Amino acid sequence: MKKSFYNPKQLFEPRVFTHAVGVSGARMVFVSGQVSYDRDGIVIGQGDIREQSEQVFRALDHCLRAAGASWRDVVKLNSYMVGLDSEAVNIYREVRAHYLVPGQLPASTLVGVERLVHEDLLREVELVAAVAE
């Protein structure tokens, strides 16, 4: 498998993501949006953006492992956040940094939303991974 990371000189230099990632010769893994639910579907960290972010990334980690993938394989992240502000974004980036591989940051999108599927949820993240065959 080959991964290529592209940050065109015509665009700003990103610190926390890559503008484009190309993949060849890989098995693709698509992980549905994960939210801060426990095993019984109860919201963990009600009102706490850090705790919810940590739970979301733990859930993503479980999904990657179940699919035979790791964070090193992640090429795309889509994130949805209720209450999008600079403090919440910084917390998200701190938590995310514990999982992502420096120098191999995925292409990423972060969108502020009014509400997620449950009124107490503050964060949802989905991802795509490319695993060597």
C-alpha atoms as a PDB file:
ATOM      1  CA  MET A   1       0.000   0.000   0.000  1.00  0.00           C
ATOM      2  CA  LYS A   2       1.154   3.504  -0.736  1.00  0.00           C
ATOM      3  CA  LYS A   3      -0.092   6.657   1.002  1.00  0.00           C
ATOM      4  CA  SER A   4       0.772  10.122  -0.258  1.00  0.00           C
ATOM      5  CA  PHE A   5       0.193  13.314   1.719  1.00  0.00           C
ATOM      6  CA  TYR A   6      -0.397  16.520  -0.239  1.00  0.00           C
ATOM      7  CA  ASN A   7      -0.218  20.096   1.023  1.00  0.00           C
ATOM      8  CA  PRO A   8      -0.176  22.247  -2.136  1.00  0.00           C
ATOM      9  CA  LYS A   9       2.022  25.350  -1.944  1.00  0.00           C
ATOM     10  CA  GLN A  10      -0.932  27.426  -3.175  1.00  0.00           C
ATOM     11  CA  LEU A  11      -2.779  26.681   0.103  1.00  0.00           C
ATOM     12  CA  PHE A  12      -1.964  27.567   3.709  1.00  0.00           C
ATOM     13  CA  GLU A  13       0.303  25.166   5.621  1.00  0.00           C
ATOM     14  CA  PRO A  14      -1.980  23.107   7.887  1.00  0.00           C
ATOM     15  CA  ARG A  15      -0.787  22.188  11.389  1.00  0.00           C
ATOM     16  CA  VAL A  16      -3.448  19.667  12.394  1.00  0.00           C
ATOM     17  CA  PHE A  17      -4.452  17.943   9.151  1.00  0.00           C
ATOM     18  CA  THR A  18      -3.352  17.261   5.572  1.00  0.00           C
ATOM     19  CA  HIS A  19      -5.149  18.923   2.653  1.00  0.00           C
ATOM     20  CA  ALA A  20      -5.300  15.702   0.610  1.00  0.00           C
ATOM     21  CA  VAL A  21      -4.281  12.076   1.076  1.00  0.00           C
ATOM     22  CA  GLY A  22      -3.925   9.596  -1.775  1.00  0.00           C
ATOM     23  CA  VAL A  23      -3.995   5.822  -1.320  1.00  0.00           C
ATOM     24  CA  SER A  24      -3.245   2.920  -3.655  1.00  0.00           C
ATOM     25  CA  GLY A  25      -3.219  -0.825  -3.059  1.00  0.00           C
ATOM     26  CA  ALA A  26      -5.293  -0.829   0.121  1.00  0.00           C
ATOM     27  CA  ARG A  27      -8.379  -2.297   1.727  1.00  0.00           C
ATOM     28  CA  MET A  28     -10.657   0.562   2.766  1.00  0.00           C
ATOM     29  CA  VAL A  29     -12.363   0.660   6.166  1.00  0.00           C
ATOM     30  CA  PHE A  30     -15.267   3.088   6.688  1.00  0.00           C
ATOM     31  CA  VAL A  31     -16.196   3.734  10.321  1.00  0.00           C
ATOM     32  CA  SER A  32     -19.641   5.161  11.050  1.00  0.00           C
ATOM     33  CA  GLY A  33     -19.947   8.285  13.150  1.00  0.00           C
ATOM     34  CA  GLN A  34     -19.178   7.470  16.761  1.00  0.00           C
ATOM     35  CA  VAL A  35     -20.699   9.388  19.659  1.00  0.00           C
ATOM     36  CA  SER A  36     -20.237   9.337  23.415  1.00  0.00           C
ATOM     37  CA  TYR A  37     -22.420   6.328  24.218  1.00  0.00           C
ATOM     38  CA  ASP A  38     -21.468   3.542  26.578  1.00  0.00           C
ATOM     39  CA  ARG A  39     -22.220  -0.096  25.720  1.00  0.00           C
ATOM     40  CA  ASP A  40     -25.850   0.377  26.829  1.00  0.00           C
ATOM     41  CA  GLY A  41     -26.411   3.510  24.727  1.00  0.00           C
ATOM     42  CA  ILE A  42     -26.185   5.888  27.698  1.00  0.00           C
ATOM     43  CA  VAL A  43     -24.421   9.238  27.074  1.00  0.00           C
ATOM     44  CA  ILE A  44     -21.031   9.434  28.793  1.00  0.00           C
ATOM     45  CA  GLY A  45     -19.830  12.892  29.848  1.00  0.00           C
ATOM     46  CA  GLN A  46     -23.072  14.791  29.662  1.00  0.00           C
ATOM     47  CA  GLY A  47     -22.119  18.469  29.233  1.00  0.00           C
ATOM     48  CA  ASP A  48     -18.362  17.700  29.215  1.00  0.00           C
ATOM     49  CA  ILE A  49     -16.767  18.183  25.794  1.00  0.00           C
ATOM     50  CA  ARG A  50     -13.419  16.646  26.843  1.00  0.00           C
ATOM     51  CA  GLU A  51     -14.968  13.504  28.320  1.00  0.00           C
ATOM     52  CA  GLN A  52     -17.198  13.083  25.277  1.00  0.00           C
ATOM     53  CA  SER A  53     -14.227  13.582  22.932  1.00  0.00           C
ATOM     54  CA  GLU A  54     -12.239  10.940  24.800  1.00  0.00           C
ATOM     55  CA  GLN A  55     -15.147   8.477  24.660  1.00  0.00           C
ATOM     56  CA  VAL A  56     -15.624   9.085  20.918  1.00  0.00           C
ATOM     57  CA  PHE A  57     -11.952   8.379  20.204  1.00  0.00           C
ATOM     58  CA  ARG A  58     -12.012   5.253  22.375  1.00  0.00           C
ATOM     59  CA  ALA A  59     -15.006   4.036  20.334  1.00  0.00           C
ATOM     60  CA  LEU A  60     -13.199   4.816  17.063  1.00  0.00           C
ATOM     61  CA  ASP A  61     -10.169   2.918  18.363  1.00  0.00           C
ATOM     62  CA  HIS A  62     -12.336  -0.151  19.085  1.00  0.00           C
ATOM     63  CA  CYS A  63     -13.824   0.042  15.574  1.00  0.00           C
ATOM     64  CA  LEU A  64     -10.415   0.298  13.925  1.00  0.00           C
ATOM     65  CA  ARG A  65      -9.066  -2.678  15.873  1.00  0.00           C
ATOM     66  CA  ALA A  66     -12.154  -4.768  15.062  1.00  0.00           C
ATOM     67  CA  ALA A  67     -11.514  -4.090  11.357  1.00  0.00           C
ATOM     68  CA  GLY A  68      -7.827  -4.996  11.620  1.00  0.00           C
ATOM     69  CA  ALA A  69      -6.736  -1.363  11.288  1.00  0.00           C
ATOM     70  CA  SER A  70      -4.894   1.186  13.427  1.00  0.00           C
ATOM     71  CA  TRP A  71      -4.623   4.952  13.706  1.00  0.00           C
ATOM     72  CA  ARG A  72      -1.626   4.770  11.374  1.00  0.00           C
ATOM     73  CA  ASP A  73      -4.111   3.694   8.654  1.00  0.00           C
ATOM     74  CA  VAL A  74      -6.535   6.621   9.064  1.00  0.00           C
ATOM     75  CA  VAL A  75      -6.685   8.835   5.965  1.00  0.00           C
ATOM     76  CA  LYS A  76      -9.894  10.860   6.545  1.00  0.00           C
ATOM     77  CA  LEU A  77     -11.740  12.239   9.582  1.00  0.00           C
ATOM     78  CA  ASN A  78     -15.127  13.973   9.562  1.00  0.00           C
ATOM     79  CA  SER A  79     -16.084  15.617  12.835  1.00  0.00           C
ATOM     80  CA  TYR A  80     -19.334  17.237  13.928  1.00  0.00           C
ATOM     81  CA  MET A  81     -19.466  19.472  16.994  1.00  0.00           C
ATOM     82  CA  VAL A  82     -22.301  21.112  18.924  1.00  0.00           C
ATOM     83  CA  GLY A  83     -21.215  24.407  20.477  1.00  0.00           C
ATOM     84  CA  LEU A  84     -18.323  24.955  18.102  1.00  0.00           C
ATOM     85  CA  ASP A  85     -15.957  27.531  19.591  1.00  0.00           C
ATOM     86  CA  SER A  86     -12.198  27.898  19.932  1.00  0.00           C
ATOM     87  CA  GLU A  87     -12.049  26.246  23.372  1.00  0.00           C
ATOM     88  CA  ALA A  88     -14.017  23.201  22.200  1.00  0.00           C
ATOM     89  CA  VAL A  89     -11.876  22.935  19.058  1.00  0.00           C
ATOM     90  CA  ASN A  90      -8.678  23.056  21.129  1.00  0.00           C
ATOM     91  CA  ILE A  91      -9.959  20.299  23.431  1.00  0.00           C
ATOM     92  CA  TYR A  92     -10.898  18.194  20.396  1.00  0.00           C
ATOM     93  CA  ARG A  93      -7.429  18.697  18.896  1.00  0.00           C
ATOM     94  CA  GLU A  94      -5.728  17.758  22.186  1.00  0.00           C
ATOM     95  CA  VAL A  95      -7.662  14.502  22.454  1.00  0.00           C
ATOM     96  CA  ARG A  96      -7.247  13.722  18.757  1.00  0.00           C
ATOM     97  CA  ALA A  97      -3.479  14.303  18.942  1.00  0.00           C
ATOM     98  CA  HIS A  98      -3.127  11.311  21.312  1.00  0.00           C
ATOM     99  CA  TYR A  99      -4.333   9.023  18.513  1.00  0.00           C
ATOM    100  CA  LEU A 100      -3.049  10.449  15.222  1.00  0.00           C
ATOM    101  CA  VAL A 101       0.424   9.862  13.816  1.00  0.00           C
ATOM    102  CA  PRO A 102       2.531  13.048  13.464  1.00  0.00           C
ATOM    103  CA  GLY A 103       3.644  13.610   9.883  1.00  0.00           C
ATOM    104  CA  GLN A 104       0.800  11.401   8.610  1.00  0.00           C
ATOM    105  CA  LEU A 105      -2.214  13.499   9.545  1.00  0.00           C
ATOM    106  CA  PRO A 106      -5.430  12.572   7.749  1.00  0.00           C
ATOM    107  CA  ALA A 107      -7.504  14.824   5.568  1.00  0.00           C
ATOM    108  CA  SER A 108     -10.050  16.313   7.967  1.00  0.00           C
ATOM    109  CA  THR A 109     -13.321  18.199   8.140  1.00  0.00           C
ATOM    110  CA  LEU A 110     -14.826  19.816  11.244  1.00  0.00           C
ATOM    111  CA  VAL A 111     -18.403  21.076  11.078  1.00  0.00           C
ATOM    112  CA  GLY A 112     -20.374  22.954  13.712  1.00  0.00           C
ATOM    113  CA  VAL A 113     -23.921  21.628  14.052  1.00  0.00           C
ATOM    114  CA  GLU A 114     -26.948  22.694  16.045  1.00  0.00           C
ATOM    115  CA  ARG A 115     -27.684  19.214  17.379  1.00  0.00           C
ATOM    116  CA  LEU A 116     -26.728  15.548  17.063  1.00  0.00           C
ATOM    117  CA  VAL A 117     -28.989  12.478  17.294  1.00  0.00           C
ATOM    118  CA  HIS A 118     -29.379  12.863  21.099  1.00  0.00           C
ATOM    119  CA  GLU A 119     -29.722  16.235  22.811  1.00  0.00           C
ATOM    120  CA  ASP A 120     -26.866  15.504  25.266  1.00  0.00           C
ATOM    121  CA  LEU A 121     -24.320  14.569  22.599  1.00  0.00           C
ATOM    122  CA  LEU A 122     -21.703  17.213  21.762  1.00  0.00           C
ATOM    123  CA  ARG A 123     -19.368  15.392  19.359  1.00  0.00           C
ATOM    124  CA  GLU A 124     -19.542  12.847  16.538  1.00  0.00           C
ATOM    125  CA  VAL A 125     -16.598  11.603  14.480  1.00  0.00           C
ATOM    126  CA  GLU A 126     -16.447   9.249  11.508  1.00  0.00           C
ATOM    127  CA  LEU A 127     -13.349   8.092   9.685  1.00  0.00           C
ATOM    128  CA  VAL A 128     -11.887   6.253   6.729  1.00  0.00           C
ATOM    129  CA  ALA A 129      -8.811   4.033   7.025  1.00  0.00           C
ATOM    130  CA  ALA A 130      -6.698   2.445   4.299  1.00  0.00           C
ATOM    131  CA  VAL A 131      -5.144  -0.874   5.348  1.00  0.00           C
ATOM    132  CA  ALA A 132      -2.334  -2.564   3.453  1.00  0.00           C
ATOM    133  CA  GLU A 133      -3.485  -5.791   1.797  1.00  0.00           C
END
